[in-house]
């Protein structure tokens, strides 16, 4: 399983699904994910809070979990990019914006939205 951390409700996800925008950054053709295979939820959320949120200056609101096979099925590939541990980039997007949108939609469709649990006050 791969995990992409999500920060923007509305554009990256809504109440029930991951949107294609969660897998698009026209400035950078790579999509950052973590290999969350055989990892518990608490550790996955910790990765987002420790390694990703500080870079974005935003709290993690949700995550998109998608099977490794979805990347291959979209004609893309995973490239190991440590540190942090278990970090990969999804690579292989073309320069064509329409093609990027189509591939991002395939990844979104294969993803499961996992909202971040609310921590007790």
PDB file of N, CA and C in Angstrom:
ATOM      1  N   UNK A   1       0.845  -1.172   0.000  1.00  0.00           N
ATOM      2  CA  UNK A   1       0.000   0.000   0.000  1.00  0.00           C
ATOM      3  C   UNK A   1       0.892   1.238   0.000  1.00  0.00           C
ATOM      4  N   UNK A   2       0.459   2.241  -0.722  1.00  0.00           N
ATOM      5  CA  UNK A   2       1.140   3.534  -0.753  1.00  0.00           C
ATOM      6  C   UNK A   2       0.245   4.577  -0.106  1.00  0.00           C
ATOM      7  N   UNK A   3       0.857   5.582   0.502  1.00  0.00           N
ATOM      8  CA  UNK A   3       0.103   6.639   1.159  1.00  0.00           C
ATOM      9  C   UNK A   3       0.567   8.000   0.669  1.00  0.00           C
ATOM     10  N   UNK A   4      -0.398   8.820   0.281  1.00  0.00           N
ATOM     11  CA  UNK A   4      -0.170  10.224  -0.083  1.00  0.00           C
ATOM     12  C   UNK A   4      -0.908  11.079   0.940  1.00  0.00           C
ATOM     13  N   UNK A   5      -0.201  11.994   1.577  1.00  0.00           N
ATOM     14  CA  UNK A   5      -0.825  12.843   2.588  1.00  0.00           C
ATOM     15  C   UNK A   5      -1.525  14.016   1.919  1.00  0.00           C
ATOM     16  N   UNK A   6      -2.696  14.375   2.459  1.00  0.00           N
ATOM     17  CA  UNK A   6      -3.549  15.404   1.856  1.00  0.00           C
ATOM     18  C   UNK A   6      -3.716  16.573   2.819  1.00  0.00           C
ATOM     19  N   UNK A   7      -3.708  17.793   2.263  1.00  0.00           N
ATOM     20  CA  UNK A   7      -3.700  19.003   3.071  1.00  0.00           C
ATOM     21  C   UNK A   7      -4.834  19.969   2.768  1.00  0.00           C
ATOM     22  N   UNK A   8      -5.485  19.828   1.633  1.00  0.00           N
ATOM     23  CA  UNK A   8      -6.460  20.825   1.210  1.00  0.00           C
ATOM     24  C   UNK A   8      -7.806  20.182   0.916  1.00  0.00           C
ATOM     25  N   UNK A   9      -8.734  20.343   1.875  1.00  0.00           N
ATOM     26  CA  UNK A   9     -10.086  19.834   1.660  1.00  0.00           C
ATOM     27  C   UNK A   9     -10.738  20.694   0.576  1.00  0.00           C
ATOM     28  N   UNK A  10     -11.438  20.065  -0.308  1.00  0.00           N
ATOM     29  CA  UNK A  10     -12.071  20.775  -1.415  1.00  0.00           C
ATOM     30  C   UNK A  10     -11.340  20.498  -2.710  1.00  0.00           C
ATOM     31  N   UNK A  11     -10.033  20.795  -2.751  1.00  0.00           N
ATOM     32  CA  UNK A  11      -9.306  20.534  -3.990  1.00  0.00           C
ATOM     33  C   UNK A  11      -8.669  19.144  -4.004  1.00  0.00           C
ATOM     34  N   UNK A  12      -8.102  18.690  -2.871  1.00  0.00           N
ATOM     35  CA  UNK A  12      -7.473  17.362  -2.819  1.00  0.00           C
ATOM     36  C   UNK A  12      -8.474  16.245  -2.531  1.00  0.00           C
ATOM     37  N   UNK A  13      -9.513  16.569  -1.772  1.00  0.00           N
ATOM     38  CA  UNK A  13     -10.495  15.552  -1.405  1.00  0.00           C
ATOM     39  C   UNK A  13     -11.769  16.237  -0.940  1.00  0.00           C
ATOM     40  N   UNK A  14     -12.855  15.453  -0.947  1.00  0.00           N
ATOM     41  CA  UNK A  14     -14.099  15.931  -0.338  1.00  0.00           C
ATOM     42  C   UNK A  14     -14.497  14.923   0.738  1.00  0.00           C
ATOM     43  N   UNK A  15     -15.716  14.959   1.170  1.00  0.00           N
ATOM     44  CA  UNK A  15     -16.141  14.107   2.279  1.00  0.00           C
ATOM     45  C   UNK A  15     -16.039  12.614   1.977  1.00  0.00           C
ATOM     46  N   UNK A  16     -16.053  12.239   0.714  1.00  0.00           N
ATOM     47  CA  UNK A  16     -16.121  10.812   0.416  1.00  0.00           C
ATOM     48  C   UNK A  16     -15.046  10.275  -0.524  1.00  0.00           C
ATOM     49  N   UNK A  17     -14.277  11.151  -1.165  1.00  0.00           N
ATOM     50  CA  UNK A  17     -13.315  10.610  -2.138  1.00  0.00           C
ATOM     51  C   UNK A  17     -12.101  11.504  -2.327  1.00  0.00           C
ATOM     52  N   UNK A  18     -11.046  10.883  -2.849  1.00  0.00           N
ATOM     53  CA  UNK A  18      -9.832  11.588  -3.229  1.00  0.00           C
ATOM     54  C   UNK A  18     -10.048  12.160  -4.627  1.00  0.00           C
ATOM     55  N   UNK A  19      -9.577  13.370  -4.847  1.00  0.00           N
ATOM     56  CA  UNK A  19      -9.701  14.011  -6.154  1.00  0.00           C
ATOM     57  C   UNK A  19      -8.366  13.945  -6.904  1.00  0.00           C
ATOM     58  N   UNK A  20      -8.434  14.073  -8.211  1.00  0.00           N
ATOM     59  CA  UNK A  20      -7.231  14.014  -9.048  1.00  0.00           C
ATOM     60  C   UNK A  20      -6.191  15.040  -8.623  1.00  0.00           C
ATOM     61  N   UNK A  21      -6.628  16.213  -8.182  1.00  0.00           N
ATOM     62  CA  UNK A  21      -5.697  17.280  -7.790  1.00  0.00           C
ATOM     63  C   UNK A  21      -4.718  16.834  -6.704  1.00  0.00           C
ATOM     64  N   UNK A  22      -5.087  15.816  -5.943  1.00  0.00           N
ATOM     65  CA  UNK A  22      -4.195  15.301  -4.900  1.00  0.00           C
ATOM     66  C   UNK A  22      -2.916  14.713  -5.490  1.00  0.00           C
ATOM     67  N   UNK A  23      -2.947  14.379  -6.762  1.00  0.00           N
ATOM     68  CA  UNK A  23      -1.800  13.743  -7.417  1.00  0.00           C
ATOM     69  C   UNK A  23      -1.192  14.628  -8.503  1.00  0.00           C
ATOM     70  N   UNK A  24      -1.447  15.930  -8.444  1.00  0.00           N
ATOM     71  CA  UNK A  24      -0.942  16.841  -9.474  1.00  0.00           C
ATOM     72  C   UNK A  24      -0.182  17.991  -8.838  1.00  0.00           C
ATOM     73  N   UNK A  25       1.006  18.232  -9.374  1.00  0.00           N
ATOM     74  CA  UNK A  25       1.752  19.460  -9.103  1.00  0.00           C
ATOM     75  C   UNK A  25       2.465  19.780 -10.412  1.00  0.00           C
ATOM     76  N   UNK A  26       1.930  20.747 -11.141  1.00  0.00           N
ATOM     77  CA  UNK A  26       2.489  21.044 -12.460  1.00  0.00           C
ATOM     78  C   UNK A  26       3.905  21.606 -12.377  1.00  0.00           C
ATOM     79  N   UNK A  27       4.338  22.040 -11.185  1.00  0.00           N
ATOM     80  CA  UNK A  27       5.704  22.549 -11.022  1.00  0.00           C
ATOM     81  C   UNK A  27       6.706  21.422 -10.807  1.00  0.00           C
ATOM     82  N   UNK A  28       6.225  20.274 -10.349  1.00  0.00           N
ATOM     83  CA  UNK A  28       7.101  19.143 -10.049  1.00  0.00           C
ATOM     84  C   UNK A  28       6.424  17.877 -10.547  1.00  0.00           C
ATOM     85  N   UNK A  29       7.024  17.190 -11.500  1.00  0.00           N
ATOM     86  CA  UNK A  29       6.365  16.009 -12.083  1.00  0.00           C
ATOM     87  C   UNK A  29       6.381  14.771 -11.189  1.00  0.00           C
ATOM     88  N   UNK A  30       6.953  14.882 -10.009  1.00  0.00           N
ATOM     89  CA  UNK A  30       6.988  13.747  -9.082  1.00  0.00           C
ATOM     90  C   UNK A  30       5.874  13.880  -8.057  1.00  0.00           C
ATOM     91  N   UNK A  31       5.356  12.739  -7.619  1.00  0.00           N
ATOM     92  CA  UNK A  31       4.320  12.719  -6.579  1.00  0.00           C
ATOM     93  C   UNK A  31       4.889  11.949  -5.394  1.00  0.00           C
ATOM     94  N   UNK A  32       4.966  12.621  -4.265  1.00  0.00           N
ATOM     95  CA  UNK A  32       5.542  12.056  -3.051  1.00  0.00           C
ATOM     96  C   UNK A  32       4.558  11.105  -2.369  1.00  0.00           C
ATOM     97  N   UNK A  33       5.030   9.894  -2.047  1.00  0.00           N
ATOM     98  CA  UNK A  33       4.234   8.901  -1.331  1.00  0.00           C
ATOM     99  C   UNK A  33       5.135   8.141  -0.361  1.00  0.00           C
ATOM    100  N   UNK A  34       4.506   7.446   0.551  1.00  0.00           N
ATOM    101  CA  UNK A  34       5.220   6.558   1.467  1.00  0.00           C
ATOM    102  C   UNK A  34       4.714   5.142   1.263  1.00  0.00           C
ATOM    103  N   UNK A  35       5.619   4.173   1.396  1.00  0.00           N
ATOM    104  CA  UNK A  35       5.220   2.770   1.365  1.00  0.00           C
ATOM    105  C   UNK A  35       4.707   2.413   2.751  1.00  0.00           C
ATOM    106  N   UNK A  36       3.401   2.272   2.862  1.00  0.00           N
ATOM    107  CA  UNK A  36       2.779   2.011   4.160  1.00  0.00           C
ATOM    108  C   UNK A  36       2.387   0.548   4.349  1.00  0.00           C
ATOM    109  N   UNK A  37       2.930  -0.319   3.515  1.00  0.00           N
ATOM    110  CA  UNK A  37       2.657  -1.753   3.620  1.00  0.00           C
ATOM    111  C   UNK A  37       3.036  -2.256   5.010  1.00  0.00           C
ATOM    112  N   UNK A  38       2.131  -2.999   5.626  1.00  0.00           N
ATOM    113  CA  UNK A  38       2.368  -3.608   6.946  1.00  0.00           C
ATOM    114  C   UNK A  38       2.729  -2.577   8.020  1.00  0.00           C
ATOM    115  N   UNK A  39       2.110  -1.391   7.943  1.00  0.00           N
ATOM    116  CA  UNK A  39       2.366  -0.329   8.922  1.00  0.00           C
ATOM    117  C   UNK A  39       1.046   0.057   9.579  1.00  0.00           C
ATOM    118  N   UNK A  40       1.058   0.295  10.886  1.00  0.00           N
ATOM    119  CA  UNK A  40      -0.182   0.651  11.573  1.00  0.00           C
ATOM    120  C   UNK A  40      -0.526   2.127  11.341  1.00  0.00           C
ATOM    121  N   UNK A  41      -1.784   2.450  11.562  1.00  0.00           N
ATOM    122  CA  UNK A  41      -2.278   3.803  11.305  1.00  0.00           C
ATOM    123  C   UNK A  41      -1.512   4.866  12.087  1.00  0.00           C
ATOM    124  N   UNK A  42      -1.234   4.609  13.354  1.00  0.00           N
ATOM    125  CA  UNK A  42      -0.546   5.605  14.176  1.00  0.00           C
ATOM    126  C   UNK A  42       0.811   5.972  13.583  1.00  0.00           C
ATOM    127  N   UNK A  43       1.538   4.990  13.095  1.00  0.00           N
ATOM    128  CA  UNK A  43       2.851   5.258  12.502  1.00  0.00           C
ATOM    129  C   UNK A  43       2.714   6.024  11.190  1.00  0.00           C
ATOM    130  N   UNK A  44       1.727   5.666  10.389  1.00  0.00           N
ATOM    131  CA  UNK A  44       1.513   6.379   9.122  1.00  0.00           C
ATOM    132  C   UNK A  44       1.216   7.852   9.393  1.00  0.00           C
ATOM    133  N   UNK A  45       0.300   8.139  10.313  1.00  0.00           N
ATOM    134  CA  UNK A  45      -0.011   9.539  10.635  1.00  0.00           C
ATOM    135  C   UNK A  45       1.216  10.256  11.177  1.00  0.00           C
ATOM    136  N   UNK A  46       2.025   9.547  11.949  1.00  0.00           N
ATOM    137  CA  UNK A  46       3.260  10.136  12.479  1.00  0.00           C
ATOM    138  C   UNK A  46       4.188  10.571  11.343  1.00  0.00           C
ATOM    139  N   UNK A  47       4.311   9.748  10.297  1.00  0.00           N
ATOM    140  CA  UNK A  47       5.147  10.125   9.151  1.00  0.00           C
ATOM    141  C   UNK A  47       4.675  11.446   8.555  1.00  0.00           C
ATOM    142  N   UNK A  48       3.373  11.566   8.362  1.00  0.00           N
ATOM    143  CA  UNK A  48       2.837  12.789   7.777  1.00  0.00           C
ATOM    144  C   UNK A  48       3.115  13.996   8.651  1.00  0.00           C
ATOM    145  N   UNK A  49       2.883  13.845   9.951  1.00  0.00           N
ATOM    146  CA  UNK A  49       3.087  14.958  10.874  1.00  0.00           C
ATOM    147  C   UNK A  49       4.562  15.329  11.004  1.00  0.00           C
ATOM    148  N   UNK A  50       5.432  14.333  10.995  1.00  0.00           N
ATOM    149  CA  UNK A  50       6.856  14.581  11.217  1.00  0.00           C
ATOM    150  C   UNK A  50       7.607  14.977   9.948  1.00  0.00           C
ATOM    151  N   UNK A  51       7.289  14.331   8.833  1.00  0.00           N
ATOM    152  CA  UNK A  51       8.102  14.511   7.636  1.00  0.00           C
ATOM    153  C   UNK A  51       7.482  15.387   6.554  1.00  0.00           C
ATOM    154  N   UNK A  52       6.160  15.462   6.504  1.00  0.00           N
ATOM    155  CA  UNK A  52       5.518  16.150   5.381  1.00  0.00           C
ATOM    156  C   UNK A  52       4.896  17.483   5.793  1.00  0.00           C
ATOM    157  N   UNK A  53       4.147  17.485   6.868  1.00  0.00           N
ATOM    158  CA  UNK A  53       3.471  18.717   7.304  1.00  0.00           C
ATOM    159  C   UNK A  53       4.439  19.890   7.488  1.00  0.00           C
ATOM    160  N   UNK A  54       5.619  19.698   8.091  1.00  0.00           N
ATOM    161  CA  UNK A  54       6.528  20.836   8.236  1.00  0.00           C
ATOM    162  C   UNK A  54       6.972  21.442   6.893  1.00  0.00           C
ATOM    163  N   UNK A  55       7.091  20.609   5.879  1.00  0.00           N
ATOM    164  CA  UNK A  55       7.475  21.114   4.550  1.00  0.00           C
ATOM    165  C   UNK A  55       6.358  21.918   3.900  1.00  0.00           C
ATOM    166  N   UNK A  56       5.131  21.568   4.224  1.00  0.00           N
ATOM    167  CA  UNK A  56       3.957  22.236   3.643  1.00  0.00           C
ATOM    168  C   UNK A  56       3.438  23.385   4.511  1.00  0.00           C
ATOM    169  N   UNK A  57       3.912  23.460   5.744  1.00  0.00           N
ATOM    170  CA  UNK A  57       3.424  24.464   6.701  1.00  0.00           C
ATOM    171  C   UNK A  57       1.913  24.385   6.867  1.00  0.00           C
ATOM    172  N   UNK A  58       1.400  23.155   6.820  1.00  0.00           N
ATOM    173  CA  UNK A  58      -0.030  22.902   6.978  1.00  0.00           C
ATOM    174  C   UNK A  58      -0.187  21.584   7.715  1.00  0.00           C
ATOM    175  N   UNK A  59      -1.276  21.433   8.449  1.00  0.00           N
ATOM    176  CA  UNK A  59      -1.517  20.132   9.086  1.00  0.00           C
ATOM    177  C   UNK A  59      -2.056  19.119   8.073  1.00  0.00           C
ATOM    178  N   UNK A  60      -1.724  17.869   8.302  1.00  0.00           N
ATOM    179  CA  UNK A  60      -2.280  16.781   7.502  1.00  0.00           C
ATOM    180  C   UNK A  60      -3.751  16.637   7.870  1.00  0.00           C
ATOM    181  N   UNK A  61      -4.632  16.643   6.875  1.00  0.00           N
ATOM    182  CA  UNK A  61      -6.069  16.509   7.114  1.00  0.00           C
ATOM    183  C   UNK A  61      -6.593  15.116   6.783  1.00  0.00           C
ATOM    184  N   UNK A  62      -5.923  14.456   5.846  1.00  0.00           N
ATOM    185  CA  UNK A  62      -6.379  13.139   5.392  1.00  0.00           C
ATOM    186  C   UNK A  62      -5.232  12.483   4.644  1.00  0.00           C
ATOM    187  N   UNK A  63      -5.493  11.270   4.191  1.00  0.00           N
ATOM    188  CA  UNK A  63      -4.507  10.609   3.343  1.00  0.00           C
ATOM    189  C   UNK A  63      -5.232   9.814   2.267  1.00  0.00           C
ATOM    190  N   UNK A  64      -4.516   9.570   1.199  1.00  0.00           N
ATOM    191  CA  UNK A  64      -4.996   8.711   0.120  1.00  0.00           C
ATOM    192  C   UNK A  64      -4.153   7.452   0.156  1.00  0.00           C
ATOM    193  N   UNK A  65      -4.780   6.315   0.388  1.00  0.00           N
ATOM    194  CA  UNK A  65      -4.083   5.036   0.345  1.00  0.00           C
ATOM    195  C   UNK A  65      -4.393   4.366  -0.978  1.00  0.00           C
ATOM    196  N   UNK A  66      -3.349   3.948  -1.681  1.00  0.00           N
ATOM    197  CA  UNK A  66      -3.576   3.288  -2.961  1.00  0.00           C
ATOM    198  C   UNK A  66      -2.635   2.105  -3.120  1.00  0.00           C
ATOM    199  N   UNK A  67      -3.102   1.083  -3.814  1.00  0.00           N
ATOM    200  CA  UNK A  67      -2.263  -0.101  -4.013  1.00  0.00           C
ATOM    201  C   UNK A  67      -1.095   0.194  -4.950  1.00  0.00           C
ATOM    202  N   UNK A  68       0.020  -0.476  -4.700  1.00  0.00           N
ATOM    203  CA  UNK A  68       1.180  -0.349  -5.590  1.00  0.00           C
ATOM    204  C   UNK A  68       0.776  -0.604  -7.045  1.00  0.00           C
ATOM    205  N   UNK A  69      -0.099  -1.585  -7.253  1.00  0.00           N
ATOM    206  CA  UNK A  69      -0.490  -1.972  -8.607  1.00  0.00           C
ATOM    207  C   UNK A  69      -1.144  -0.824  -9.378  1.00  0.00           C
ATOM    208  N   UNK A  70      -1.749   0.124  -8.690  1.00  0.00           N
ATOM    209  CA  UNK A  70      -2.397   1.254  -9.366  1.00  0.00           C
ATOM    210  C   UNK A  70      -1.373   2.123 -10.081  1.00  0.00           C
ATOM    211  N   UNK A  71      -0.189   2.228  -9.509  1.00  0.00           N
ATOM    212  CA  UNK A  71       0.875   3.025 -10.135  1.00  0.00           C
ATOM    213  C   UNK A  71       1.315   2.360 -11.433  1.00  0.00           C
ATOM    214  N   UNK A  72       1.569   1.069 -11.360  1.00  0.00           N
ATOM    215  CA  UNK A  72       1.979   0.314 -12.551  1.00  0.00           C
ATOM    216  C   UNK A  72       0.871   0.297 -13.601  1.00  0.00           C
ATOM    217  N   UNK A  73      -0.375   0.125 -13.177  1.00  0.00           N
ATOM    218  CA  UNK A  73      -1.509   0.095 -14.106  1.00  0.00           C
ATOM    219  C   UNK A  73      -1.662   1.418 -14.848  1.00  0.00           C
ATOM    220  N   UNK A  74      -1.235   2.522 -14.225  1.00  0.00           N
ATOM    221  CA  UNK A  74      -1.307   3.833 -14.869  1.00  0.00           C
ATOM    222  C   UNK A  74      -0.089   4.093 -15.762  1.00  0.00           C
ATOM    223  N   UNK A  75       0.829   3.125 -15.831  1.00  0.00           N
ATOM    224  CA  UNK A  75       2.019   3.295 -16.662  1.00  0.00           C
ATOM    225  C   UNK A  75       3.083   4.161 -16.003  1.00  0.00           C
ATOM    226  N   UNK A  76       3.011   4.282 -14.685  1.00  0.00           N
ATOM    227  CA  UNK A  76       3.965   5.091 -13.941  1.00  0.00           C
ATOM    228  C   UNK A  76       4.893   4.179 -13.158  1.00  0.00           C
ATOM    229  N   UNK A  77       5.894   4.752 -12.484  1.00  0.00           N
ATOM    230  CA  UNK A  77       6.807   3.925 -11.702  1.00  0.00           C
ATOM    231  C   UNK A  77       7.141   4.601 -10.386  1.00  0.00           C
ATOM    232  N   UNK A  78       7.606   3.791  -9.458  1.00  0.00           N
ATOM    233  CA  UNK A  78       8.018   4.266  -8.137  1.00  0.00           C
ATOM    234  C   UNK A  78       9.531   4.346  -8.080  1.00  0.00           C
ATOM    235  N   UNK A  79      10.033   5.467  -7.538  1.00  0.00           N
ATOM    236  CA  UNK A  79      11.473   5.654  -7.378  1.00  0.00           C
ATOM    237  C   UNK A  79      11.734   5.945  -5.903  1.00  0.00           C
ATOM    238  N   UNK A  80      12.562   5.114  -5.287  1.00  0.00           N
ATOM    239  CA  UNK A  80      12.909   5.292  -3.887  1.00  0.00           C
ATOM    240  C   UNK A  80      13.590   6.643  -3.707  1.00  0.00           C
ATOM    241  N   UNK A  81      13.182   7.403  -2.686  1.00  0.00           N
ATOM    242  CA  UNK A  81      13.725   8.747  -2.449  1.00  0.00           C
ATOM    243  C   UNK A  81      13.849   8.970  -0.943  1.00  0.00           C
ATOM    244  N   UNK A  82      14.781   8.225  -0.317  1.00  0.00           N
ATOM    245  CA  UNK A  82      15.018   8.368   1.117  1.00  0.00           C
ATOM    246  C   UNK A  82      16.169   9.337   1.341  1.00  0.00           C
ATOM    247  N   UNK A  83      16.226  10.019   2.466  1.00  0.00           N
ATOM    248  CA  UNK A  83      15.277  10.025   3.560  1.00  0.00           C
ATOM    249  C   UNK A  83      14.054  10.862   3.211  1.00  0.00           C
ATOM    250  N   UNK A  84      12.980  10.735   3.979  1.00  0.00           N
ATOM    251  CA  UNK A  84      12.780   9.884   5.146  1.00  0.00           C
ATOM    252  C   UNK A  84      12.591   8.427   4.735  1.00  0.00           C
ATOM    253  N   UNK A  85      12.643   7.532   5.699  1.00  0.00           N
ATOM    254  CA  UNK A  85      12.472   6.107   5.392  1.00  0.00           C
ATOM    255  C   UNK A  85      11.149   5.835   4.699  1.00  0.00           C
ATOM    256  N   UNK A  86      11.221   4.900   3.750  1.00  0.00           N
ATOM    257  CA  UNK A  86      10.042   4.394   3.032  1.00  0.00           C
ATOM    258  C   UNK A  86       9.395   5.448   2.128  1.00  0.00           C
ATOM    259  N   UNK A  87      10.133   6.498   1.812  1.00  0.00           N
ATOM    260  CA  UNK A  87       9.606   7.550   0.938  1.00  0.00           C
ATOM    261  C   UNK A  87       9.939   7.233  -0.519  1.00  0.00           C
ATOM    262  N   UNK A  88       8.940   7.399  -1.368  1.00  0.00           N
ATOM    263  CA  UNK A  88       9.086   7.183  -2.817  1.00  0.00           C
ATOM    264  C   UNK A  88       8.480   8.356  -3.561  1.00  0.00           C
ATOM    265  N   UNK A  89       8.858   8.471  -4.828  1.00  0.00           N
ATOM    266  CA  UNK A  89       8.184   9.384  -5.735  1.00  0.00           C
ATOM    267  C   UNK A  89       7.541   8.560  -6.843  1.00  0.00           C
ATOM    268  N   UNK A  90       6.306   8.918  -7.174  1.00  0.00           N
ATOM    269  CA  UNK A  90       5.684   8.353  -8.365  1.00  0.00           C
ATOM    270  C   UNK A  90       6.180   9.197  -9.521  1.00  0.00           C
ATOM    271  N   UNK A  91       6.791   8.549 -10.501  1.00  0.00           N
ATOM    272  CA  UNK A  91       7.400   9.243 -11.636  1.00  0.00           C
ATOM    273  C   UNK A  91       6.868   8.672 -12.949  1.00  0.00           C
ATOM    274  N   UNK A  92       7.139   9.387 -14.024  1.00  0.00           N
ATOM    275  CA  UNK A  92       6.769   8.906 -15.350  1.00  0.00           C
ATOM    276  C   UNK A  92       5.662   9.700 -15.998  1.00  0.00           C
ATOM    277  N   UNK A  93       5.257  10.815 -15.373  1.00  0.00           N
ATOM    278  CA  UNK A  93       4.240  11.672 -15.972  1.00  0.00           C
ATOM    279  C   UNK A  93       4.835  12.386 -17.188  1.00  0.00           C
ATOM    280  N   UNK A  94       4.021  12.597 -18.202  1.00  0.00           N
ATOM    281  CA  UNK A  94       4.477  13.330 -19.384  1.00  0.00           C
ATOM    282  C   UNK A  94       4.396  14.827 -19.096  1.00  0.00           C
ATOM    283  N   UNK A  95       4.767  15.638 -20.069  1.00  0.00           N
ATOM    284  CA  UNK A  95       4.668  17.089 -19.948  1.00  0.00           C
ATOM    285  C   UNK A  95       3.283  17.603 -20.346  1.00  0.00           C
ATOM    286  N   UNK A  96       2.485  16.728 -20.943  1.00  0.00           N
ATOM    287  CA  UNK A  96       1.163  17.118 -21.432  1.00  0.00           C
ATOM    288  C   UNK A  96       0.163  17.198 -20.274  1.00  0.00           C
ATOM    289  N   UNK A  97      -0.417  18.381 -20.062  1.00  0.00           N
ATOM    290  CA  UNK A  97      -1.322  18.577 -18.925  1.00  0.00           C
ATOM    291  C   UNK A  97      -2.545  17.662 -18.986  1.00  0.00           C
ATOM    292  N   UNK A  98      -3.070  17.416 -20.160  1.00  0.00           N
ATOM    293  CA  UNK A  98      -4.233  16.526 -20.281  1.00  0.00           C
ATOM    294  C   UNK A  98      -3.876  15.104 -19.869  1.00  0.00           C
ATOM    295  N   UNK A  99      -2.689  14.661 -20.276  1.00  0.00           N
ATOM    296  CA  UNK A  99      -2.232  13.316 -19.907  1.00  0.00           C
ATOM    297  C   UNK A  99      -1.985  13.225 -18.407  1.00  0.00           C
ATOM    298  N   UNK A 100      -1.428  14.280 -17.826  1.00  0.00           N
ATOM    299  CA  UNK A 100      -1.205  14.305 -16.370  1.00  0.00           C
ATOM    300  C   UNK A 100      -2.539  14.194 -15.642  1.00  0.00           C
ATOM    301  N   UNK A 101      -3.521  14.966 -16.093  1.00  0.00           N
ATOM    302  CA  UNK A 101      -4.851  14.941 -15.459  1.00  0.00           C
ATOM    303  C   UNK A 101      -5.463  13.544 -15.523  1.00  0.00           C
ATOM    304  N   UNK A 102      -5.338  12.890 -16.668  1.00  0.00           N
ATOM    305  CA  UNK A 102      -5.898  11.549 -16.846  1.00  0.00           C
ATOM    306  C   UNK A 102      -5.232  10.552 -15.887  1.00  0.00           C
ATOM    307  N   UNK A 103      -3.911  10.597 -15.804  1.00  0.00           N
ATOM    308  CA  UNK A 103      -3.198   9.677 -14.914  1.00  0.00           C
ATOM    309  C   UNK A 103      -3.513   9.978 -13.446  1.00  0.00           C
ATOM    310  N   UNK A 104      -3.587  11.251 -13.104  1.00  0.00           N
ATOM    311  CA  UNK A 104      -3.930  11.630 -11.731  1.00  0.00           C
ATOM    312  C   UNK A 104      -5.325  11.135 -11.365  1.00  0.00           C
ATOM    313  N   UNK A 105      -6.248  11.186 -12.318  1.00  0.00           N
ATOM    314  CA  UNK A 105      -7.600  10.694 -12.053  1.00  0.00           C
ATOM    315  C   UNK A 105      -7.593   9.184 -11.836  1.00  0.00           C
ATOM    316  N   UNK A 106      -6.771   8.465 -12.589  1.00  0.00           N
ATOM    317  CA  UNK A 106      -6.654   7.016 -12.387  1.00  0.00           C
ATOM    318  C   UNK A 106      -6.146   6.701 -10.985  1.00  0.00           C
ATOM    319  N   UNK A 107      -5.138   7.455 -10.530  1.00  0.00           N
ATOM    320  CA  UNK A 107      -4.609   7.238  -9.185  1.00  0.00           C
ATOM    321  C   UNK A 107      -5.662   7.576  -8.131  1.00  0.00           C
ATOM    322  N   UNK A 108      -6.371   8.669  -8.329  1.00  0.00           N
ATOM    323  CA  UNK A 108      -7.416   9.068  -7.381  1.00  0.00           C
ATOM    324  C   UNK A 108      -8.514   8.016  -7.318  1.00  0.00           C
ATOM    325  N   UNK A 109      -8.920   7.506  -8.469  1.00  0.00           N
ATOM    326  CA  UNK A 109      -9.978   6.497  -8.513  1.00  0.00           C
ATOM    327  C   UNK A 109      -9.572   5.204  -7.790  1.00  0.00           C
ATOM    328  N   UNK A 110      -8.273   4.908  -7.801  1.00  0.00           N
ATOM    329  CA  UNK A 110      -7.783   3.686  -7.153  1.00  0.00           C
ATOM    330  C   UNK A 110      -7.518   3.889  -5.659  1.00  0.00           C
ATOM    331  N   UNK A 111      -7.645   5.119  -5.191  1.00  0.00           N
ATOM    332  CA  UNK A 111      -7.312   5.464  -3.811  1.00  0.00           C
ATOM    333  C   UNK A 111      -8.503   5.339  -2.872  1.00  0.00           C
ATOM    334  N   UNK A 112      -8.173   5.118  -1.623  1.00  0.00           N
ATOM    335  CA  UNK A 112      -9.161   5.142  -0.544  1.00  0.00           C
ATOM    336  C   UNK A 112      -8.864   6.359   0.321  1.00  0.00           C
ATOM    337  N   UNK A 113      -9.870   7.171   0.570  1.00  0.00           N
ATOM    338  CA  UNK A 113      -9.718   8.342   1.425  1.00  0.00           C
ATOM    339  C   UNK A 113      -9.769   7.911   2.888  1.00  0.00           C
ATOM    340  N   UNK A 114      -8.769   8.348   3.653  1.00  0.00           N
ATOM    341  CA  UNK A 114      -8.713   8.073   5.091  1.00  0.00           C
ATOM    342  C   UNK A 114      -8.597   9.441   5.798  1.00  0.00           C
ATOM    343  N   UNK A 115      -9.692   9.972   6.346  1.00  0.00           N
ATOM    344  CA  UNK A 115      -9.585  11.237   7.091  1.00  0.00           C
ATOM    345  C   UNK A 115      -8.767  11.047   8.355  1.00  0.00           C
ATOM    346  N   UNK A 116      -8.026  12.083   8.729  1.00  0.00           N
ATOM    347  CA  UNK A 116      -7.220  11.987   9.948  1.00  0.00           C
ATOM    348  C   UNK A 116      -8.151  12.017  11.164  1.00  0.00           C
ATOM    349  N   UNK A 117      -7.944  11.085  12.086  1.00  0.00           N
ATOM    350  CA  UNK A 117      -8.778  11.080  13.297  1.00  0.00           C
ATOM    351  C   UNK A 117      -8.563  12.361  14.102  1.00  0.00           C
ATOM    352  N   UNK A 118      -9.618  12.828  14.712  1.00  0.00           N
ATOM    353  CA  UNK A 118      -9.523  14.008  15.571  1.00  0.00           C
ATOM    354  C   UNK A 118      -8.947  13.573  16.905  1.00  0.00           C
ATOM    355  N   UNK A 119      -7.882  14.262  17.320  1.00  0.00           N
ATOM    356  CA  UNK A 119      -7.248  13.922  18.592  1.00  0.00           C
ATOM    357  C   UNK A 119      -8.035  14.579  19.729  1.00  0.00           C
ATOM    358  N   UNK A 120      -8.191  13.860  20.826  1.00  0.00           N
ATOM    359  CA  UNK A 120      -8.922  14.447  21.960  1.00  0.00           C
ATOM    360  C   UNK A 120      -8.181  15.665  22.494  1.00  0.00           C
ATOM    361  N   UNK A 121      -8.962  16.636  22.935  1.00  0.00           N
ATOM    362  CA  UNK A 121      -8.381  17.893  23.448  1.00  0.00           C
ATOM    363  C   UNK A 121      -7.793  17.705  24.828  1.00  0.00           C
TER     364      UNK A 121
END
